[in-house]
Amino acid sequence: MDDYVSIMRELKLYDKDLMKKPFIIAANKIDLLTEKERKEEIEKLNRIKTKKEDILPISTLTGEGLNELVIKI
């Protein structure tokens, strides 16, 4: 969560126009979380995200969510 806030702040400082564009948040390493923890983390991100963001939970280890990410890109 802190990483997300830091990155968003840095992007805004770099170029405010970037914040107007749609983008994807790829929440990686979800394989390390329990199902309950996954839901809690996604809910936290959903509470602070803007309407221009898609949140995709993924795991590069297991491949979970990667097809959805490729389709969105």
Protein backbone atom coordinates (compact mmCIF):
# COMPACT_ATOMS: atom_id res chain seq x y z
CA MET A 1 0.00 0.00 0.00
CA ASP A 2 2.78 2.44 0.88
CA ASP A 3 4.51 1.62 -2.41
CA TYR A 4 1.35 2.48 -4.33
CA VAL A 5 1.00 5.85 -2.59
CA SER A 6 4.69 6.67 -3.18
CA ILE A 7 4.55 5.75 -6.86
CA MET A 8 1.38 7.77 -7.44
CA ARG A 9 2.93 10.79 -5.74
CA GLU A 10 6.10 10.48 -7.83
CA LEU A 11 4.16 10.17 -11.08
CA LYS A 12 2.10 13.24 -10.22
CA LEU A 13 5.22 15.25 -9.43
CA TYR A 14 6.89 14.10 -12.64
CA ASP A 15 4.00 14.91 -14.95
CA LYS A 16 0.45 15.73 -13.85
CA ASP A 17 -0.87 14.70 -17.28
CA LEU A 18 0.13 11.10 -16.54
CA MET A 19 -2.57 11.01 -13.89
CA LYS A 20 -5.21 11.63 -16.58
CA LYS A 21 -4.35 8.44 -18.44
CA PRO A 22 -5.76 5.00 -17.62
CA PHE A 23 -3.32 2.51 -16.15
CA ILE A 24 -3.08 -0.93 -14.59
CA ILE A 25 -1.94 -1.83 -11.11
CA ALA A 26 -0.47 -5.33 -11.25
CA ALA A 27 -0.52 -6.57 -7.66
CA ASN A 28 2.20 -9.23 -7.86
CA LYS A 29 3.11 -12.07 -5.49
CA ILE A 30 -0.47 -12.86 -4.56
CA ASP A 31 0.61 -16.48 -4.21
CA LEU A 32 2.25 -15.47 -0.91
CA LEU A 33 -1.08 -14.38 0.60
CA THR A 34 -4.02 -16.32 1.94
CA GLU A 35 -7.36 -15.80 0.21
CA LYS A 36 -8.48 -13.56 3.09
CA GLU A 37 -5.29 -11.46 2.86
CA ARG A 38 -5.72 -11.11 -0.91
CA LYS A 39 -9.25 -9.80 -0.51
CA GLU A 40 -8.17 -7.36 2.20
CA GLU A 41 -5.29 -5.96 0.11
CA ILE A 42 -7.45 -5.58 -3.01
CA GLU A 43 -10.16 -3.87 -0.93
CA LYS A 44 -7.56 -1.42 0.43
CA LEU A 45 -6.38 -0.59 -3.10
CA ASN A 46 -9.96 -0.19 -4.32
CA ARG A 47 -10.64 2.35 -1.57
CA ILE A 48 -7.79 4.64 -2.61
CA LYS A 49 -7.57 4.14 -6.36
CA THR A 50 -8.99 6.48 -8.96
CA LYS A 51 -11.50 5.50 -11.63
CA LYS A 52 -8.77 5.31 -14.26
CA GLU A 53 -7.02 2.35 -12.64
CA ASP A 54 -7.59 -1.35 -13.07
CA ILE A 55 -6.26 -3.55 -10.28
CA LEU A 56 -5.14 -7.00 -11.38
CA PRO A 57 -3.86 -9.45 -8.79
CA ILE A 58 -1.16 -11.61 -10.39
CA SER A 59 1.47 -14.18 -9.56
CA THR A 60 4.40 -14.59 -11.90
CA LEU A 61 5.31 -17.75 -9.99
CA THR A 62 2.01 -19.57 -10.58
CA GLY A 63 0.85 -17.62 -13.63
CA GLU A 64 -2.37 -16.60 -11.92
CA GLY A 65 -3.89 -13.47 -13.46
CA LEU A 66 -1.29 -13.17 -16.23
CA ASN A 67 -3.76 -13.87 -19.06
CA GLU A 68 -6.03 -11.08 -17.80
CA LEU A 69 -3.04 -8.75 -17.62
CA VAL A 70 -2.01 -9.51 -21.20
CA ILE A 71 -5.56 -8.93 -22.42
CA LYS A 72 -5.79 -5.58 -20.60
CA ILE A 73 -2.46 -4.42 -22.03
